[in-house]
Amino acid sequence: MSDEVLKEAEAARAELDAALTAVGVTLPSLGVDLIAYTGQPGFALVELGRCNVSTARALAAALRRSSPCTTS
């Protein structure tokens, strides 16, 4: 696994974390999936992880607010 792929994955995680924080959502398990590094060279995943019901609803609400077509 190259350092560049790891840096890119960490940057994507940080960007997502900042965007979520800006709308009041925290995903406590947000991180880079290191296990994925062992599978394919040059491949990385950002792990969104688990969250409680309140956080899931806050995330859904934030997505609805930013969506051009909102449905309930």
C-alpha atoms as a PDB file:
ATOM      1  CA  MET A   1       0.000   0.000   0.000  1.00  0.00           C
ATOM      2  CA  SER A   2       1.478   3.281  -1.009  1.00  0.00           C
ATOM      3  CA  ASP A   3       1.715   6.228   1.329  1.00  0.00           C
ATOM      4  CA  GLU A   4      -0.105   8.303  -1.304  1.00  0.00           C
ATOM      5  CA  VAL A   5      -3.207   6.070  -1.147  1.00  0.00           C
ATOM      6  CA  LEU A   6      -3.198   6.259   2.647  1.00  0.00           C
ATOM      7  CA  LYS A   7      -2.853  10.056   2.549  1.00  0.00           C
ATOM      8  CA  GLU A   8      -5.717  10.288   0.040  1.00  0.00           C
ATOM      9  CA  ALA A   9      -7.957   8.119   2.220  1.00  0.00           C
ATOM     10  CA  GLU A  10      -7.123  10.146   5.327  1.00  0.00           C
ATOM     11  CA  ALA A  11      -7.812  13.390   3.435  1.00  0.00           C
ATOM     12  CA  ALA A  12     -11.188  12.091   2.247  1.00  0.00           C
ATOM     13  CA  ARG A  13     -12.057  11.054   5.810  1.00  0.00           C
ATOM     14  CA  ALA A  14     -11.092  14.482   7.130  1.00  0.00           C
ATOM     15  CA  GLU A  15     -13.080  16.238   4.392  1.00  0.00           C
ATOM     16  CA  LEU A  16     -16.178  14.167   5.160  1.00  0.00           C
ATOM     17  CA  ASP A  17     -15.745  14.721   8.898  1.00  0.00           C
ATOM     18  CA  ALA A  18     -15.527  18.495   8.382  1.00  0.00           C
ATOM     19  CA  ALA A  19     -18.612  18.521   6.157  1.00  0.00           C
ATOM     20  CA  LEU A  20     -20.598  16.467   8.661  1.00  0.00           C
ATOM     21  CA  THR A  21     -19.446  18.639  11.558  1.00  0.00           C
ATOM     22  CA  ALA A  22     -20.587  21.736   9.635  1.00  0.00           C
ATOM     23  CA  VAL A  23     -24.152  20.373   9.635  1.00  0.00           C
ATOM     24  CA  GLY A  24     -24.006  19.184  13.246  1.00  0.00           C
ATOM     25  CA  VAL A  25     -23.418  15.475  12.617  1.00  0.00           C
ATOM     26  CA  THR A  26     -20.659  13.393  14.200  1.00  0.00           C
ATOM     27  CA  LEU A  27     -19.984   9.821  13.126  1.00  0.00           C
ATOM     28  CA  PRO A  28     -17.927   8.470  16.027  1.00  0.00           C
ATOM     29  CA  SER A  29     -16.540   5.512  14.074  1.00  0.00           C
ATOM     30  CA  LEU A  30     -15.539   7.481  10.963  1.00  0.00           C
ATOM     31  CA  GLY A  31     -12.112   6.345   9.866  1.00  0.00           C
ATOM     32  CA  VAL A  32      -9.959   4.668   7.248  1.00  0.00           C
ATOM     33  CA  ASP A  33     -10.495   0.921   6.831  1.00  0.00           C
ATOM     34  CA  LEU A  34      -6.997  -0.495   7.173  1.00  0.00           C
ATOM     35  CA  ILE A  35      -8.184  -4.046   6.436  1.00  0.00           C
ATOM     36  CA  ALA A  36      -9.080  -2.971   2.886  1.00  0.00           C
ATOM     37  CA  TYR A  37      -5.408  -2.176   2.302  1.00  0.00           C
ATOM     38  CA  THR A  38      -4.516  -5.842   2.441  1.00  0.00           C
ATOM     39  CA  GLY A  39      -6.921  -6.803  -0.357  1.00  0.00           C
ATOM     40  CA  GLN A  40      -6.012  -4.770  -3.430  1.00  0.00           C
ATOM     41  CA  PRO A  41      -2.951  -2.642  -3.979  1.00  0.00           C
ATOM     42  CA  GLY A  42      -3.842   1.021  -4.307  1.00  0.00           C
ATOM     43  CA  PHE A  43      -7.326   0.517  -2.868  1.00  0.00           C
ATOM     44  CA  ALA A  44      -8.646   2.266   0.229  1.00  0.00           C
ATOM     45  CA  LEU A  45     -12.029   2.590   1.931  1.00  0.00           C
ATOM     46  CA  VAL A  46     -13.396   5.219   4.270  1.00  0.00           C
ATOM     47  CA  GLU A  47     -15.332   3.449   7.008  1.00  0.00           C
ATOM     48  CA  LEU A  48     -18.478   5.304   8.051  1.00  0.00           C
ATOM     49  CA  GLY A  49     -19.087   2.972  10.978  1.00  0.00           C
ATOM     50  CA  ARG A  50     -22.068   2.814  13.278  1.00  0.00           C
ATOM     51  CA  CYS A  51     -24.116   5.569  14.854  1.00  0.00           C
ATOM     52  CA  ASN A  52     -27.064   5.878  17.194  1.00  0.00           C
ATOM     53  CA  VAL A  53     -30.633   6.584  16.062  1.00  0.00           C
ATOM     54  CA  SER A  54     -30.362  10.287  16.841  1.00  0.00           C
ATOM     55  CA  THR A  55     -27.242  10.659  14.707  1.00  0.00           C
ATOM     56  CA  ALA A  56     -28.815   8.676  11.854  1.00  0.00           C
ATOM     57  CA  ARG A  57     -31.818  11.005  11.892  1.00  0.00           C
ATOM     58  CA  ALA A  58     -29.590  14.092  12.013  1.00  0.00           C
ATOM     59  CA  LEU A  59     -27.638  12.792   9.033  1.00  0.00           C
ATOM     60  CA  ALA A  60     -30.841  12.063   7.111  1.00  0.00           C
ATOM     61  CA  ALA A  61     -32.142  15.547   7.885  1.00  0.00           C
ATOM     62  CA  ALA A  62     -28.881  17.149   6.711  1.00  0.00           C
ATOM     63  CA  LEU A  63     -29.020  15.183   3.470  1.00  0.00           C
ATOM     64  CA  ARG A  64     -32.649  16.154   2.913  1.00  0.00           C
ATOM     65  CA  ARG A  65     -31.832  19.844   3.460  1.00  0.00           C
ATOM     66  CA  SER A  66     -29.130  19.725   0.789  1.00  0.00           C
ATOM     67  CA  SER A  67     -31.079  17.622  -1.707  1.00  0.00           C
ATOM     68  CA  PRO A  68     -32.739  19.401  -4.645  1.00  0.00           C
ATOM     69  CA  CYS A  69     -35.716  17.017  -4.444  1.00  0.00           C
ATOM     70  CA  THR A  70     -36.796  16.361  -0.874  1.00  0.00           C
ATOM     71  CA  THR A  71     -38.999  13.436   0.025  1.00  0.00           C
ATOM     72  CA  SER A  72     -40.032  12.252   3.449  1.00  0.00           C
END
